[in-house]
């Protein structure tokens, strides 16, 4: 990339259904020729999409060669849990993570 050339990236949500997955892959195929610097895949509140995020980000990188970054939320996780998640991505060939604090869990007292 030369100076003055714009750099683009795209962010995707992990698909919840087979139909959404087909739609995602159609979008990726249409956007790939734009040569994004990277793409990222979001992470649901409280880690609700952890497995889908992992599967999506690894598939994107493996099948397209586009560098892919996985979001993950750190709130409420121990250091050991965060290390284990990072190792799982590393072992899958993912070298970019978007570590987010995330929303704190709701407390019984509404605090």
Protein backbone atom coordinates (compact mmCIF):
# COMPACT_ATOMS: atom_id res chain seq x y z
CA UNK A 1 0.00 0.00 0.00
CA UNK A 2 1.36 3.42 -0.91
CA UNK A 3 0.99 6.65 0.96
CA UNK A 4 -2.28 8.34 0.11
CA UNK A 5 -4.02 5.09 -0.80
CA UNK A 6 -7.08 4.57 1.37
CA UNK A 7 -7.23 1.53 3.59
CA UNK A 8 -10.57 -0.12 4.26
CA UNK A 9 -11.79 -2.75 6.66
CA UNK A 10 -15.13 -4.40 7.26
CA UNK A 11 -16.84 -5.62 10.39
CA UNK A 12 -19.24 -8.54 10.38
CA UNK A 13 -21.63 -10.10 12.85
CA UNK A 14 -21.38 -13.87 13.25
CA UNK A 15 -24.36 -15.49 11.52
CA UNK A 16 -27.11 -17.04 13.64
CA UNK A 17 -28.75 -19.16 10.96
CA UNK A 18 -27.76 -21.01 7.80
CA UNK A 19 -29.53 -18.37 5.71
CA UNK A 20 -27.59 -15.60 7.47
CA UNK A 21 -24.37 -17.53 6.88
CA UNK A 22 -25.10 -17.72 3.14
CA UNK A 23 -25.79 -13.98 3.11
CA UNK A 24 -22.54 -13.28 4.97
CA UNK A 25 -20.50 -15.30 2.47
CA UNK A 26 -22.15 -13.56 -0.46
CA UNK A 27 -21.20 -10.22 1.11
CA UNK A 28 -17.62 -11.35 1.74
CA UNK A 29 -17.27 -12.50 -1.87
CA UNK A 30 -18.54 -9.13 -3.10
CA UNK A 31 -16.27 -7.14 -0.76
CA UNK A 32 -13.06 -9.19 -1.06
CA UNK A 33 -12.06 -7.63 -4.43
CA UNK A 34 -11.86 -4.25 -2.64
CA UNK A 35 -8.76 -5.58 -0.87
CA UNK A 36 -9.61 -4.76 2.73
CA UNK A 37 -6.65 -4.42 5.08
CA UNK A 38 -8.55 -6.69 7.47
CA UNK A 39 -12.01 -7.70 8.55
CA UNK A 40 -13.29 -8.16 12.08
CA UNK A 41 -16.07 -10.27 13.54
CA UNK A 42 -18.05 -8.99 16.51
CA UNK A 43 -18.69 -10.71 19.80
CA UNK A 44 -22.08 -10.85 21.49
CA UNK A 45 -22.79 -9.44 24.93
CA UNK A 46 -21.24 -11.55 27.64
CA UNK A 47 -19.57 -13.79 25.07
CA UNK A 48 -22.89 -15.05 23.71
CA UNK A 49 -21.43 -15.57 20.23
CA UNK A 50 -17.96 -16.78 21.24
CA UNK A 51 -18.08 -20.01 19.22
CA UNK A 52 -19.76 -18.42 16.18
CA UNK A 53 -17.24 -15.55 16.24
CA UNK A 54 -14.36 -18.04 16.35
CA UNK A 55 -15.77 -20.18 13.54
CA UNK A 56 -16.52 -17.17 11.34
CA UNK A 57 -13.17 -15.44 11.79
CA UNK A 58 -11.14 -18.58 11.18
CA UNK A 59 -13.17 -19.48 8.09
CA UNK A 60 -12.80 -15.98 6.62
CA UNK A 61 -9.04 -16.04 7.02
CA UNK A 62 -8.66 -19.62 5.81
CA UNK A 63 -10.91 -19.32 2.76
CA UNK A 64 -10.16 -15.77 1.65
CA UNK A 65 -6.67 -15.00 2.93
CA UNK A 66 -7.97 -11.66 4.25
CA UNK A 67 -6.44 -10.97 7.66
CA UNK A 68 -9.25 -11.45 10.17
CA UNK A 69 -9.54 -10.04 13.68
CA UNK A 70 -11.77 -11.54 16.32
CA UNK A 71 -13.52 -9.41 18.91
CA UNK A 72 -13.68 -10.76 22.42
CA UNK A 73 -14.95 -9.36 25.67
CA UNK A 74 -12.77 -9.37 28.77
CA UNK A 75 -15.26 -8.28 31.46
CA UNK A 76 -16.02 -11.02 33.94
CA UNK A 77 -13.26 -13.26 32.59
CA UNK A 78 -10.23 -14.39 34.52
CA UNK A 79 -6.74 -13.93 33.16
CA UNK A 80 -6.61 -17.69 32.57
CA UNK A 81 -9.83 -17.58 30.52
CA UNK A 82 -8.54 -14.69 28.41
CA UNK A 83 -5.22 -16.49 27.88
CA UNK A 84 -7.09 -19.66 26.82
CA UNK A 85 -9.21 -17.72 24.31
CA UNK A 86 -6.13 -15.98 22.88
CA UNK A 87 -4.29 -19.33 22.60
CA UNK A 88 -7.27 -20.86 20.76
CA UNK A 89 -7.15 -18.05 18.20
CA UNK A 90 -3.35 -18.29 17.91
CA UNK A 91 -3.58 -22.04 17.31
CA UNK A 92 -6.14 -21.35 14.55
CA UNK A 93 -3.77 -18.91 12.82
CA UNK A 94 -5.53 -15.73 13.95
CA UNK A 95 -3.00 -13.04 14.85
CA UNK A 96 -5.31 -10.07 15.43
CA UNK A 97 -7.71 -9.66 18.34
CA UNK A 98 -9.97 -6.78 19.29
CA UNK A 99 -10.06 -7.03 23.08
CA UNK A 100 -13.00 -5.15 24.51
CA UNK A 101 -13.83 -4.47 28.10
CA UNK A 102 -17.50 -5.23 27.45
CA UNK A 103 -20.54 -4.32 29.47
CA UNK A 104 -20.40 -5.23 33.15
CA UNK A 105 -22.85 -7.94 34.18
CA UNK A 106 -26.14 -6.74 35.59
CA UNK A 107 -26.35 -7.06 39.35
CA UNK A 108 -29.37 -8.15 41.37
CA UNK A 109 -29.56 -4.71 42.96
CA UNK A 110 -29.70 -2.93 39.60
CA UNK A 111 -26.28 -1.36 40.35
